[in-house]
Amino acid sequence: MALGGHLLTAGRLPARERELVILRVGWRSGSEYEFGQHRRIGADAGLTEAEIDAIAEVGTHVFSEHDAALVALADELCGDNVVSDATWSKLAARYDDATMLELLVLAGFYRLVSGTLNSAGVPLEPEALGWPDGAVALRSSPRATS
């Protein structure tokens, strides 16, 4: 809880960029609960509805080069647990070493949370948004009751 609280409230990353990574990790991890919780937080942090939809591969929004590198970081860590040199270089041109480390910890923490939620079958809360319309979940929890 302390780590998650720190990442959300006292981290080095701008909130919008943090939420872009969290949402993509939630999407790639197949955690509708995590994605749904962060849709509102992401919108409050400045992500547009089109951007949030695009994180879940809905719509035709094109990310800026920097945002695309953040999405790639999440994809690469969720795919094979390593950020490619190309993605690392793009992000390191903007962030210092401490912020780069925070990006890795952020993605890893939300993979842990997403896997825990999926495995425990935590259902969406009634007011939660869940996946955007038209999104096809990458996977769903066999224990989810939503």
C-alpha atoms as a PDB file:
ATOM      1  CA  MET A   1       0.000   0.000   0.000  1.00  0.00           C
ATOM      2  CA  ALA A   2       2.828   2.398   0.856  1.00  0.00           C
ATOM      3  CA  LEU A   3       4.532   1.851  -2.496  1.00  0.00           C
ATOM      4  CA  GLY A   4       1.303   2.268  -4.452  1.00  0.00           C
ATOM      5  CA  GLY A   5       0.428   5.405  -2.507  1.00  0.00           C
ATOM      6  CA  HIS A   6       3.862   6.855  -3.160  1.00  0.00           C
ATOM      7  CA  LEU A   7       3.663   6.123  -6.882  1.00  0.00           C
ATOM      8  CA  LEU A   8       0.241   7.786  -7.108  1.00  0.00           C
ATOM      9  CA  THR A   9       0.874  10.844  -4.956  1.00  0.00           C
ATOM     10  CA  ALA A  10       4.588  11.513  -4.588  1.00  0.00           C
ATOM     11  CA  GLY A  11       6.224  10.001  -7.632  1.00  0.00           C
ATOM     12  CA  ARG A  12       8.418  11.841 -10.104  1.00  0.00           C
ATOM     13  CA  LEU A  13       6.258  11.188 -13.168  1.00  0.00           C
ATOM     14  CA  PRO A  14       3.628  13.657 -14.309  1.00  0.00           C
ATOM     15  CA  ALA A  15       0.187  12.230 -13.461  1.00  0.00           C
ATOM     16  CA  ARG A  16      -0.935  11.956 -17.093  1.00  0.00           C
ATOM     17  CA  GLU A  17       2.137   9.935 -18.068  1.00  0.00           C
ATOM     18  CA  ARG A  18       1.833   7.764 -14.952  1.00  0.00           C
ATOM     19  CA  GLU A  19      -1.787   6.957 -15.786  1.00  0.00           C
ATOM     20  CA  LEU A  20      -0.969   6.164 -19.404  1.00  0.00           C
ATOM     21  CA  VAL A  21       1.443   3.473 -18.174  1.00  0.00           C
ATOM     22  CA  ILE A  22      -0.929   2.152 -15.495  1.00  0.00           C
ATOM     23  CA  LEU A  23      -3.840   1.900 -17.920  1.00  0.00           C
ATOM     24  CA  ARG A  24      -1.755   0.119 -20.550  1.00  0.00           C
ATOM     25  CA  VAL A  25      -0.387  -2.327 -17.972  1.00  0.00           C
ATOM     26  CA  GLY A  26      -3.950  -2.970 -16.757  1.00  0.00           C
ATOM     27  CA  TRP A  27      -5.035  -3.553 -20.347  1.00  0.00           C
ATOM     28  CA  ARG A  28      -2.096  -5.819 -21.184  1.00  0.00           C
ATOM     29  CA  SER A  29      -2.641  -7.736 -17.929  1.00  0.00           C
ATOM     30  CA  GLY A  30      -6.318  -8.250 -18.731  1.00  0.00           C
ATOM     31  CA  SER A  31      -7.417  -6.552 -15.513  1.00  0.00           C
ATOM     32  CA  GLU A  32     -10.726  -4.874 -16.158  1.00  0.00           C
ATOM     33  CA  TYR A  33     -10.931  -3.884 -12.498  1.00  0.00           C
ATOM     34  CA  GLU A  34      -7.573  -2.063 -12.583  1.00  0.00           C
ATOM     35  CA  PHE A  35      -8.302  -0.489 -15.955  1.00  0.00           C
ATOM     36  CA  GLY A  36     -11.739   0.636 -14.786  1.00  0.00           C
ATOM     37  CA  GLN A  37     -10.422   2.199 -11.598  1.00  0.00           C
ATOM     38  CA  HIS A  38      -7.804   4.163 -13.510  1.00  0.00           C
ATOM     39  CA  ARG A  39     -10.082   5.374 -16.307  1.00  0.00           C
ATOM     40  CA  ARG A  40     -11.389   8.114 -14.002  1.00  0.00           C
ATOM     41  CA  ILE A  41      -7.987   8.813 -12.488  1.00  0.00           C
ATOM     42  CA  GLY A  42      -6.495   9.002 -15.979  1.00  0.00           C
ATOM     43  CA  ALA A  43      -9.182  11.386 -17.172  1.00  0.00           C
ATOM     44  CA  ASP A  44      -8.620  13.551 -14.103  1.00  0.00           C
ATOM     45  CA  ALA A  45      -4.901  13.529 -14.940  1.00  0.00           C
ATOM     46  CA  GLY A  46      -5.581  14.856 -18.444  1.00  0.00           C
ATOM     47  CA  LEU A  47      -5.989  11.785 -20.653  1.00  0.00           C
ATOM     48  CA  THR A  48      -8.751  12.222 -23.195  1.00  0.00           C
ATOM     49  CA  GLU A  49     -11.461   9.641 -23.795  1.00  0.00           C
ATOM     50  CA  ALA A  50      -9.895   8.957 -27.209  1.00  0.00           C
ATOM     51  CA  GLU A  51      -6.514   8.322 -25.586  1.00  0.00           C
ATOM     52  CA  ILE A  52      -8.013   5.997 -22.971  1.00  0.00           C
ATOM     53  CA  ASP A  53      -9.890   4.123 -25.689  1.00  0.00           C
ATOM     54  CA  ALA A  54      -6.678   3.817 -27.719  1.00  0.00           C
ATOM     55  CA  ILE A  55      -4.841   2.388 -24.721  1.00  0.00           C
ATOM     56  CA  ALA A  56      -7.375  -0.462 -24.928  1.00  0.00           C
ATOM     57  CA  GLU A  57      -6.943  -0.619 -28.708  1.00  0.00           C
ATOM     58  CA  VAL A  58     -10.285   0.970 -29.516  1.00  0.00           C
ATOM     59  CA  GLY A  59     -10.495   3.783 -32.041  1.00  0.00           C
ATOM     60  CA  THR A  60      -7.887   5.403 -34.223  1.00  0.00           C
ATOM     61  CA  HIS A  61      -6.107   7.848 -31.905  1.00  0.00           C
ATOM     62  CA  VAL A  62      -2.430   8.303 -32.726  1.00  0.00           C
ATOM     63  CA  PHE A  63      -0.143   8.864 -29.746  1.00  0.00           C
ATOM     64  CA  SER A  64       2.674  11.387 -29.749  1.00  0.00           C
ATOM     65  CA  GLU A  65       6.151   9.878 -30.064  1.00  0.00           C
ATOM     66  CA  HIS A  66       6.694  10.257 -26.314  1.00  0.00           C
ATOM     67  CA  ASP A  67       3.328   8.741 -25.356  1.00  0.00           C
ATOM     68  CA  ALA A  68       3.927   5.904 -27.823  1.00  0.00           C
ATOM     69  CA  ALA A  69       7.234   5.186 -26.055  1.00  0.00           C
ATOM     70  CA  LEU A  70       5.411   4.971 -22.704  1.00  0.00           C
ATOM     71  CA  VAL A  71       2.908   2.539 -24.238  1.00  0.00           C
ATOM     72  CA  ALA A  72       5.813   0.559 -25.708  1.00  0.00           C
ATOM     73  CA  LEU A  73       7.495   0.372 -22.292  1.00  0.00           C
ATOM     74  CA  ALA A  74       4.335  -1.145 -20.810  1.00  0.00           C
ATOM     75  CA  ASP A  75       3.925  -3.516 -23.756  1.00  0.00           C
ATOM     76  CA  GLU A  76       7.532  -4.679 -23.644  1.00  0.00           C
ATOM     77  CA  LEU A  77       7.549  -5.259 -19.887  1.00  0.00           C
ATOM     78  CA  CYS A  78       4.252  -7.137 -20.076  1.00  0.00           C
ATOM     79  CA  GLY A  79       5.456  -9.093 -23.114  1.00  0.00           C
ATOM     80  CA  ASP A  80       8.922 -10.291 -22.197  1.00  0.00           C
ATOM     81  CA  ASN A  81       9.985  -8.416 -19.062  1.00  0.00           C
ATOM     82  CA  VAL A  82      12.557  -6.150 -20.692  1.00  0.00           C
ATOM     83  CA  VAL A  83      12.414  -2.699 -22.241  1.00  0.00           C
ATOM     84  CA  SER A  84      14.055  -2.590 -25.669  1.00  0.00           C
ATOM     85  CA  ASP A  85      17.072  -0.370 -26.236  1.00  0.00           C
ATOM     86  CA  ALA A  86      15.076   1.741 -28.703  1.00  0.00           C
ATOM     87  CA  THR A  87      12.261   2.418 -26.222  1.00  0.00           C
ATOM     88  CA  TRP A  88      14.718   2.995 -23.388  1.00  0.00           C
ATOM     89  CA  SER A  89      16.638   5.549 -25.468  1.00  0.00           C
ATOM     90  CA  LYS A  90      13.497   7.478 -26.385  1.00  0.00           C
ATOM     91  CA  LEU A  91      12.399   7.723 -22.755  1.00  0.00           C
ATOM     92  CA  ALA A  92      15.887   8.361 -21.352  1.00  0.00           C
ATOM     93  CA  ALA A  93      16.146  11.415 -23.607  1.00  0.00           C
ATOM     94  CA  ARG A  94      13.375  12.975 -21.502  1.00  0.00           C
ATOM     95  CA  TYR A  95      13.734  11.400 -18.051  1.00  0.00           C
ATOM     96  CA  ASP A  96      16.619  11.171 -15.607  1.00  0.00           C
ATOM     97  CA  ASP A  97      17.796   7.841 -14.180  1.00  0.00           C
ATOM     98  CA  ALA A  98      15.579   8.060 -11.083  1.00  0.00           C
ATOM     99  CA  THR A  99      12.484   8.641 -13.205  1.00  0.00           C
ATOM    100  CA  MET A 100      13.418   5.793 -15.540  1.00  0.00           C
ATOM    101  CA  LEU A 101      13.655   3.508 -12.520  1.00  0.00           C
ATOM    102  CA  GLU A 102      10.284   4.768 -11.315  1.00  0.00           C
ATOM    103  CA  LEU A 103       8.735   3.869 -14.672  1.00  0.00           C
ATOM    104  CA  LEU A 104       9.959   0.290 -14.278  1.00  0.00           C
ATOM    105  CA  VAL A 105       8.709   0.056 -10.693  1.00  0.00           C
ATOM    106  CA  LEU A 106       5.359   1.611 -11.666  1.00  0.00           C
ATOM    107  CA  ALA A 107       4.766  -0.904 -14.443  1.00  0.00           C
ATOM    108  CA  GLY A 108       5.899  -3.797 -12.254  1.00  0.00           C
ATOM    109  CA  PHE A 109       3.742  -2.737  -9.328  1.00  0.00           C
ATOM    110  CA  TYR A 110       0.610  -2.511 -11.468  1.00  0.00           C
ATOM    111  CA  ARG A 111       1.352  -5.871 -13.094  1.00  0.00           C
ATOM    112  CA  LEU A 112       1.431  -7.305  -9.567  1.00  0.00           C
ATOM    113  CA  VAL A 113      -1.824  -5.585  -8.632  1.00  0.00           C
ATOM    114  CA  SER A 114      -3.514  -6.618 -11.889  1.00  0.00           C
ATOM    115  CA  GLY A 115      -2.480 -10.250 -11.499  1.00  0.00           C
ATOM    116  CA  THR A 116      -3.676 -10.292  -7.913  1.00  0.00           C
ATOM    117  CA  LEU A 117      -7.051  -8.810  -8.856  1.00  0.00           C
ATOM    118  CA  ASN A 118      -7.460 -11.238 -11.752  1.00  0.00           C
ATOM    119  CA  SER A 119      -6.486 -14.287  -9.722  1.00  0.00           C
ATOM    120  CA  ALA A 120      -8.684 -13.350  -6.774  1.00  0.00           C
ATOM    121  CA  GLY A 121     -11.626 -12.742  -9.129  1.00  0.00           C
ATOM    122  CA  VAL A 122     -12.280  -9.248  -7.819  1.00  0.00           C
ATOM    123  CA  PRO A 123     -15.432  -8.043  -9.623  1.00  0.00           C
ATOM    124  CA  LEU A 124     -15.981  -4.544 -10.916  1.00  0.00           C
ATOM    125  CA  GLU A 125     -17.694  -2.242  -8.488  1.00  0.00           C
ATOM    126  CA  PRO A 126     -21.134  -1.107  -9.684  1.00  0.00           C
ATOM    127  CA  GLU A 127     -19.943   2.446 -10.447  1.00  0.00           C
ATOM    128  CA  ALA A 128     -16.691   1.355 -12.143  1.00  0.00           C
ATOM    129  CA  LEU A 129     -16.324   2.009 -15.844  1.00  0.00           C
ATOM    130  CA  GLY A 130     -14.516  -1.181 -16.902  1.00  0.00           C
ATOM    131  CA  TRP A 131     -13.332  -1.579 -20.486  1.00  0.00           C
ATOM    132  CA  PRO A 132     -14.228   1.067 -23.091  1.00  0.00           C
ATOM    133  CA  ASP A 133     -17.081   0.205 -25.456  1.00  0.00           C
ATOM    134  CA  GLY A 134     -15.747  -1.955 -28.259  1.00  0.00           C
ATOM    135  CA  ALA A 135     -12.732  -3.218 -26.314  1.00  0.00           C
ATOM    136  CA  VAL A 136     -12.080  -6.918 -26.440  1.00  0.00           C
ATOM    137  CA  ALA A 137     -10.509  -8.094 -23.197  1.00  0.00           C
ATOM    138  CA  LEU A 138      -7.154  -9.778 -23.597  1.00  0.00           C
ATOM    139  CA  ARG A 139      -8.192 -12.250 -20.938  1.00  0.00           C
ATOM    140  CA  SER A 140     -10.684 -12.393 -18.156  1.00  0.00           C
ATOM    141  CA  SER A 141     -10.500 -13.859 -14.710  1.00  0.00           C
ATOM    142  CA  PRO A 142     -12.071 -17.321 -14.463  1.00  0.00           C
ATOM    143  CA  ARG A 143     -13.317 -16.318 -11.016  1.00  0.00           C
ATOM    144  CA  ALA A 144     -14.805 -12.919 -11.861  1.00  0.00           C
ATOM    145  CA  THR A 145     -18.468 -12.612 -11.019  1.00  0.00           C
ATOM    146  CA  SER A 146     -19.161  -9.379 -12.859  1.00  0.00           C
END
